Amino acid sequence: MAQVNKAHLTPPKRRLIELMQDINFGRITNIPVRDGEPELTPDTVIEREIKLGGQSGPRPERD
């Protein structure tokens, strides 16, 4: 299977991946998908979790 990096993703998919990398621990809900593309809307809910004793910052892949 060929490896895919963020440069090969569409902008909406790239934004979602970067958001997931930014929050690290947590969840994202209420993301509509239209024509196979995620849409971050005002109804999208982002919940961050803080891991005590763990690294809660953005993932290193984000850079």
Protein backbone atom coordinates (compact mmCIF):
# COMPACT_ATOMS: atom_id res chain seq x y z
CA MET A 1 0.00 0.00 0.00
CA ALA A 2 1.39 3.40 -1.00
CA GLN A 3 2.07 5.90 1.76
CA VAL A 4 0.07 9.13 1.62
CA ASN A 5 1.28 12.35 3.18
CA LYS A 6 -0.68 15.51 3.94
CA ALA A 7 0.48 17.21 0.74
CA HIS A 8 -1.57 14.67 -1.24
CA LEU A 9 -4.79 15.32 0.71
CA THR A 10 -7.52 17.75 -0.24
CA PRO A 11 -7.59 20.98 1.82
CA PRO A 12 -10.65 19.92 3.90
CA LYS A 13 -9.03 16.57 4.78
CA ARG A 14 -5.73 18.29 5.57
CA ARG A 15 -7.49 20.77 7.91
CA LEU A 16 -9.18 17.89 9.75
CA ILE A 17 -5.89 15.98 10.15
CA GLU A 18 -4.13 19.13 11.41
CA LEU A 19 -6.97 19.80 13.86
CA MET A 20 -6.68 16.24 15.20
CA GLN A 21 -2.92 16.69 15.57
CA ASP A 22 -3.44 20.01 17.37
CA ILE A 23 -5.86 18.66 19.96
CA ASN A 24 -3.89 15.40 20.40
CA PHE A 25 -6.16 13.96 23.13
CA GLY A 26 -9.88 14.57 22.80
CA ARG A 27 -12.67 14.19 20.32
CA ILE A 28 -14.29 15.98 17.41
CA THR A 29 -18.00 15.41 16.80
CA ASN A 30 -20.73 16.70 14.49
CA ILE A 31 -18.60 16.75 11.35
CA PRO A 32 -20.76 16.51 8.26
CA VAL A 33 -19.20 14.72 5.28
CA ARG A 34 -20.31 15.83 1.83
CA ASP A 35 -19.02 14.17 -1.33
CA GLY A 36 -16.39 12.41 0.79
CA GLU A 37 -15.02 15.64 2.27
CA PRO A 38 -15.26 16.66 5.95
CA GLU A 39 -16.87 20.03 6.62
CA LEU A 40 -15.97 21.85 9.82
CA THR A 41 -19.06 23.90 10.65
CA PRO A 42 -20.20 26.02 13.61
CA ASP A 43 -21.97 22.84 14.84
CA THR A 44 -18.67 20.91 14.96
CA VAL A 45 -17.74 20.22 18.59
CA ILE A 46 -14.09 20.02 19.66
CA GLU A 47 -13.41 18.56 23.11
CA ARG A 48 -9.85 18.57 24.44
CA GLU A 49 -8.73 16.16 27.13
CA ILE A 50 -5.77 16.91 29.33
CA LYS A 51 -3.65 13.91 30.25
CA LEU A 52 -2.01 14.52 33.61
CA GLY A 53 1.54 13.24 33.51
CA GLY A 54 1.39 12.93 29.73
CA GLN A 55 2.17 15.18 26.83
CA SER A 56 -0.91 17.25 26.05
CA GLY A 57 0.60 19.55 23.43
CA PRO A 58 0.30 19.30 19.66
CA ARG A 59 1.72 16.19 18.04
CA PRO A 60 5.20 16.53 16.50
CA GLU A 61 3.79 15.61 13.06
CA ARG A 62 1.93 18.92 13.08
CA ASP A 63 5.08 20.88 12.17
